[in-house]
Amino acid sequence: MTTNQILPALHPEPVVTHKLASAFLIADRIVYTSAGEPMGTYEYQRWAEPPSEMISDVLLRELQASGRYQHVYFLRSDARGDYLLRGRLYDLREIGSKVPTARVAFEFELRDSKTGTAVWSRTYSHDETVNGKDVKAVVAAMAAMSTAA
């Protein structure tokens, strides 16, 4: 799935986007779970940045590169956009089982800045088989899903 499939064309109106955030995924630790076990984090394996920031940065770059929007900014800038894109990263973790899997799930909502009306929303969830049994293989599967989304 590309950003062209995710967001409607709004050219040339500017889009301002919030950083994605999720309470459990704000930290930089890689999350895992096994069947019947609670979620946990690896002690020594960590993301270079918190997952919510990585996904937000990928989204911003993809929207800017698409050529479909006049401007795309993060909300932390002083820019005022015609639309506000909000998102939430719900899941980015390893699921341990006989066939290890990586999971990503997030949601986006586009609102008209003037009226506050939601003009579009989309949820996305995907599981990817991990080709290997080490953390490096899990991270590779998660990274591939995050950039493909």
C-alpha atoms as a PDB file:
ATOM      1  CA  MET A   1       0.000   0.000   0.000  1.00  0.00           C
ATOM      2  CA  THR A   2       1.378   3.409  -0.927  1.00  0.00           C
ATOM      3  CA  THR A   3       0.461   6.873   0.307  1.00  0.00           C
ATOM      4  CA  ASN A   4      -1.361   7.344  -3.009  1.00  0.00           C
ATOM      5  CA  GLN A   5      -3.674   4.551  -1.861  1.00  0.00           C
ATOM      6  CA  ILE A   6      -3.854   5.816   1.720  1.00  0.00           C
ATOM      7  CA  LEU A   7      -4.855   9.473   1.284  1.00  0.00           C
ATOM      8  CA  PRO A   8      -7.235  11.170  -1.141  1.00  0.00           C
ATOM      9  CA  ALA A   9      -5.792  13.730  -3.559  1.00  0.00           C
ATOM     10  CA  LEU A  10      -6.073  17.211  -2.053  1.00  0.00           C
ATOM     11  CA  HIS A  11      -3.729  19.041  -4.377  1.00  0.00           C
ATOM     12  CA  PRO A  12      -2.914  21.858  -3.881  1.00  0.00           C
ATOM     13  CA  GLU A  13      -4.111  22.257  -0.296  1.00  0.00           C
ATOM     14  CA  PRO A  14      -1.477  21.951   2.451  1.00  0.00           C
ATOM     15  CA  VAL A  15      -1.704  19.037   4.867  1.00  0.00           C
ATOM     16  CA  VAL A  16      -0.469  19.248   8.449  1.00  0.00           C
ATOM     17  CA  THR A  17       0.169  15.996  10.280  1.00  0.00           C
ATOM     18  CA  HIS A  18       0.478  15.108  13.958  1.00  0.00           C
ATOM     19  CA  LYS A  19       3.163  12.749  15.127  1.00  0.00           C
ATOM     20  CA  LEU A  20       1.768   9.263  15.567  1.00  0.00           C
ATOM     21  CA  ALA A  21       1.709   8.118  19.154  1.00  0.00           C
ATOM     22  CA  SER A  22       0.733   5.108  21.192  1.00  0.00           C
ATOM     23  CA  ALA A  23       1.415   4.740  24.893  1.00  0.00           C
ATOM     24  CA  PHE A  24       3.161   1.373  24.538  1.00  0.00           C
ATOM     25  CA  LEU A  25       5.069   2.274  21.362  1.00  0.00           C
ATOM     26  CA  ILE A  26       6.523   5.636  22.349  1.00  0.00           C
ATOM     27  CA  ALA A  27       9.612   3.974  23.837  1.00  0.00           C
ATOM     28  CA  ASP A  28      12.454   2.627  21.706  1.00  0.00           C
ATOM     29  CA  ARG A  29      12.281  -0.992  22.870  1.00  0.00           C
ATOM     30  CA  ILE A  30      11.211  -3.725  20.431  1.00  0.00           C
ATOM     31  CA  VAL A  31       7.938  -5.339  21.546  1.00  0.00           C
ATOM     32  CA  TYR A  32       7.195  -9.077  21.439  1.00  0.00           C
ATOM     33  CA  THR A  33       4.526 -11.505  22.564  1.00  0.00           C
ATOM     34  CA  SER A  34       4.023 -15.271  22.513  1.00  0.00           C
ATOM     35  CA  ALA A  35       0.837 -17.312  22.495  1.00  0.00           C
ATOM     36  CA  GLY A  36      -0.798 -17.047  25.909  1.00  0.00           C
ATOM     37  CA  GLU A  37       1.890 -14.705  27.258  1.00  0.00           C
ATOM     38  CA  PRO A  38       1.668 -10.974  28.008  1.00  0.00           C
ATOM     39  CA  MET A  39       3.565  -8.482  25.852  1.00  0.00           C
ATOM     40  CA  GLY A  40       7.150  -7.732  26.734  1.00  0.00           C
ATOM     41  CA  THR A  41      10.132  -5.828  25.401  1.00  0.00           C
ATOM     42  CA  TYR A  42      13.628  -6.964  24.538  1.00  0.00           C
ATOM     43  CA  GLU A  43      16.145  -5.712  27.065  1.00  0.00           C
ATOM     44  CA  TYR A  44      19.034  -4.971  24.714  1.00  0.00           C
ATOM     45  CA  GLN A  45      17.504  -4.755  21.215  1.00  0.00           C
ATOM     46  CA  ARG A  46      16.076  -1.328  20.525  1.00  0.00           C
ATOM     47  CA  TRP A  47      14.836   0.782  17.655  1.00  0.00           C
ATOM     48  CA  ALA A  48      17.044   3.656  16.513  1.00  0.00           C
ATOM     49  CA  GLU A  49      14.020   5.906  17.220  1.00  0.00           C
ATOM     50  CA  PRO A  50      10.653   5.217  18.843  1.00  0.00           C
ATOM     51  CA  PRO A  51       8.391   3.395  16.330  1.00  0.00           C
ATOM     52  CA  SER A  52       5.760   6.147  16.337  1.00  0.00           C
ATOM     53  CA  GLU A  53       8.376   8.678  15.224  1.00  0.00           C
ATOM     54  CA  MET A  54       9.768   6.377  12.526  1.00  0.00           C
ATOM     55  CA  ILE A  55       6.289   5.753  11.053  1.00  0.00           C
ATOM     56  CA  SER A  56       5.486   9.487  11.179  1.00  0.00           C
ATOM     57  CA  ASP A  57       8.728  10.369   9.405  1.00  0.00           C
ATOM     58  CA  VAL A  58       8.108   7.777   6.679  1.00  0.00           C
ATOM     59  CA  LEU A  59       4.561   9.093   6.181  1.00  0.00           C
ATOM     60  CA  LEU A  60       5.735  12.705   5.959  1.00  0.00           C
ATOM     61  CA  ARG A  61       8.441  11.869   3.393  1.00  0.00           C
ATOM     62  CA  GLU A  62       6.050   9.772   1.304  1.00  0.00           C
ATOM     63  CA  LEU A  63       3.351  12.459   1.277  1.00  0.00           C
ATOM     64  CA  GLN A  64       5.878  15.135   0.315  1.00  0.00           C
ATOM     65  CA  ALA A  65       7.383  12.954  -2.436  1.00  0.00           C
ATOM     66  CA  SER A  66       3.991  11.971  -3.878  1.00  0.00           C
ATOM     67  CA  GLY A  67       3.546  15.367  -5.565  1.00  0.00           C
ATOM     68  CA  ARG A  68      -0.163  15.239  -4.723  1.00  0.00           C
ATOM     69  CA  TYR A  69      -0.047  17.969  -2.079  1.00  0.00           C
ATOM     70  CA  GLN A  70       1.242  21.516  -2.237  1.00  0.00           C
ATOM     71  CA  HIS A  71       2.818  21.273   1.233  1.00  0.00           C
ATOM     72  CA  VAL A  72       2.986  18.720   4.028  1.00  0.00           C
ATOM     73  CA  TYR A  73       4.152  19.777   7.489  1.00  0.00           C
ATOM     74  CA  PHE A  74       4.375  18.356  10.986  1.00  0.00           C
ATOM     75  CA  LEU A  75       2.111  20.140  13.442  1.00  0.00           C
ATOM     76  CA  ARG A  76       5.138  21.178  15.498  1.00  0.00           C
ATOM     77  CA  SER A  77       5.944  23.700  12.759  1.00  0.00           C
ATOM     78  CA  ASP A  78       4.115  27.033  12.680  1.00  0.00           C
ATOM     79  CA  ALA A  79       2.410  26.073   9.395  1.00  0.00           C
ATOM     80  CA  ARG A  80      -1.358  26.224   9.045  1.00  0.00           C
ATOM     81  CA  GLY A  81      -2.822  23.608   6.764  1.00  0.00           C
ATOM     82  CA  ASP A  82      -6.211  23.237   5.157  1.00  0.00           C
ATOM     83  CA  TYR A  83      -6.328  19.679   6.454  1.00  0.00           C
ATOM     84  CA  LEU A  84      -5.043  17.999   9.589  1.00  0.00           C
ATOM     85  CA  LEU A  85      -3.933  14.378   9.392  1.00  0.00           C
ATOM     86  CA  ARG A  86      -4.048  12.517  12.682  1.00  0.00           C
ATOM     87  CA  GLY A  87      -2.778   9.025  13.191  1.00  0.00           C
ATOM     88  CA  ARG A  88      -2.227   6.447  15.841  1.00  0.00           C
ATOM     89  CA  LEU A  89       0.151   3.517  15.801  1.00  0.00           C
ATOM     90  CA  TYR A  90      -1.607   0.682  17.631  1.00  0.00           C
ATOM     91  CA  ASP A  91       0.697  -2.242  17.083  1.00  0.00           C
ATOM     92  CA  LEU A  92       4.247  -2.941  15.948  1.00  0.00           C
ATOM     93  CA  ARG A  93       5.502  -6.170  17.492  1.00  0.00           C
ATOM     94  CA  GLU A  94       6.822  -9.667  17.077  1.00  0.00           C
ATOM     95  CA  ILE A  95       4.379 -12.522  17.643  1.00  0.00           C
ATOM     96  CA  GLY A  96       6.280 -15.630  18.645  1.00  0.00           C
ATOM     97  CA  SER A  97       4.828 -18.947  17.495  1.00  0.00           C
ATOM     98  CA  LYS A  98       5.818 -21.899  15.305  1.00  0.00           C
ATOM     99  CA  VAL A  99       5.908 -19.409  12.445  1.00  0.00           C
ATOM    100  CA  PRO A 100       7.169 -16.074  13.834  1.00  0.00           C
ATOM    101  CA  THR A 101       5.165 -13.081  12.629  1.00  0.00           C
ATOM    102  CA  ALA A 102       5.571  -9.321  12.732  1.00  0.00           C
ATOM    103  CA  ARG A 103       2.443  -7.187  13.096  1.00  0.00           C
ATOM    104  CA  VAL A 104       1.738  -3.545  12.336  1.00  0.00           C
ATOM    105  CA  ALA A 105      -1.577  -1.734  12.845  1.00  0.00           C
ATOM    106  CA  PHE A 106      -2.396   1.956  12.608  1.00  0.00           C
ATOM    107  CA  GLU A 107      -5.226   4.360  11.870  1.00  0.00           C
ATOM    108  CA  PHE A 108      -5.391   7.714  10.086  1.00  0.00           C
ATOM    109  CA  GLU A 109      -8.031  10.423  10.067  1.00  0.00           C
ATOM    110  CA  LEU A 110      -8.091  13.539   7.882  1.00  0.00           C
ATOM    111  CA  ARG A 111      -9.986  16.579   9.184  1.00  0.00           C
ATOM    112  CA  ASP A 112     -10.858  19.883   7.590  1.00  0.00           C
ATOM    113  CA  SER A 113      -8.959  22.465   9.667  1.00  0.00           C
ATOM    114  CA  LYS A 114     -11.659  25.113   9.309  1.00  0.00           C
ATOM    115  CA  THR A 115     -14.697  23.006  10.223  1.00  0.00           C
ATOM    116  CA  GLY A 116     -13.106  20.200  12.243  1.00  0.00           C
ATOM    117  CA  THR A 117     -15.122  17.732  10.172  1.00  0.00           C
ATOM    118  CA  ALA A 118     -13.592  14.333   9.458  1.00  0.00           C
ATOM    119  CA  VAL A 119     -13.402  14.049   5.667  1.00  0.00           C
ATOM    120  CA  TRP A 120     -11.650  10.686   5.486  1.00  0.00           C
ATOM    121  CA  SER A 121     -10.367   7.869   7.708  1.00  0.00           C
ATOM    122  CA  ARG A 122      -8.473   4.636   7.177  1.00  0.00           C
ATOM    123  CA  THR A 123      -7.250   1.752   9.312  1.00  0.00           C
ATOM    124  CA  TYR A 124      -4.453  -0.578   8.289  1.00  0.00           C
ATOM    125  CA  SER A 125      -3.314  -3.837   9.806  1.00  0.00           C
ATOM    126  CA  HIS A 126      -0.878  -6.376   8.410  1.00  0.00           C
ATOM    127  CA  ASP A 127       0.952  -9.477   9.593  1.00  0.00           C
ATOM    128  CA  GLU A 128       4.209 -10.481   7.923  1.00  0.00           C
ATOM    129  CA  THR A 129       5.968 -13.825   8.268  1.00  0.00           C
ATOM    130  CA  VAL A 130       9.449 -13.408   9.730  1.00  0.00           C
ATOM    131  CA  ASN A 131      12.180 -15.098   7.686  1.00  0.00           C
ATOM    132  CA  GLY A 132      14.438 -16.128  10.538  1.00  0.00           C
ATOM    133  CA  LYS A 133      14.467 -16.704  14.264  1.00  0.00           C
ATOM    134  CA  ASP A 134      16.530 -13.746  15.481  1.00  0.00           C
ATOM    135  CA  VAL A 135      15.650 -10.151  16.322  1.00  0.00           C
ATOM    136  CA  LYS A 136      17.368  -8.901  13.148  1.00  0.00           C
ATOM    137  CA  ALA A 137      14.876 -10.885  11.020  1.00  0.00           C
ATOM    138  CA  VAL A 138      11.946  -9.520  13.052  1.00  0.00           C
ATOM    139  CA  VAL A 139      13.159  -5.942  12.621  1.00  0.00           C
ATOM    140  CA  ALA A 140      13.612  -6.487   8.865  1.00  0.00           C
ATOM    141  CA  ALA A 141      10.010  -7.727   8.550  1.00  0.00           C
ATOM    142  CA  MET A 142       8.675  -4.806  10.611  1.00  0.00           C
ATOM    143  CA  ALA A 143      10.671  -2.271   8.608  1.00  0.00           C
ATOM    144  CA  ALA A 144       9.438  -3.733   5.318  1.00  0.00           C
ATOM    145  CA  MET A 145       5.806  -3.542   6.471  1.00  0.00           C
ATOM    146  CA  SER A 146       6.161  -0.010   7.785  1.00  0.00           C
ATOM    147  CA  THR A 147       7.577   1.361   4.549  1.00  0.00           C
ATOM    148  CA  ALA A 148       5.221  -0.686   2.345  1.00  0.00           C
ATOM    149  CA  ALA A 149       2.177   0.612   4.223  1.00  0.00           C
END
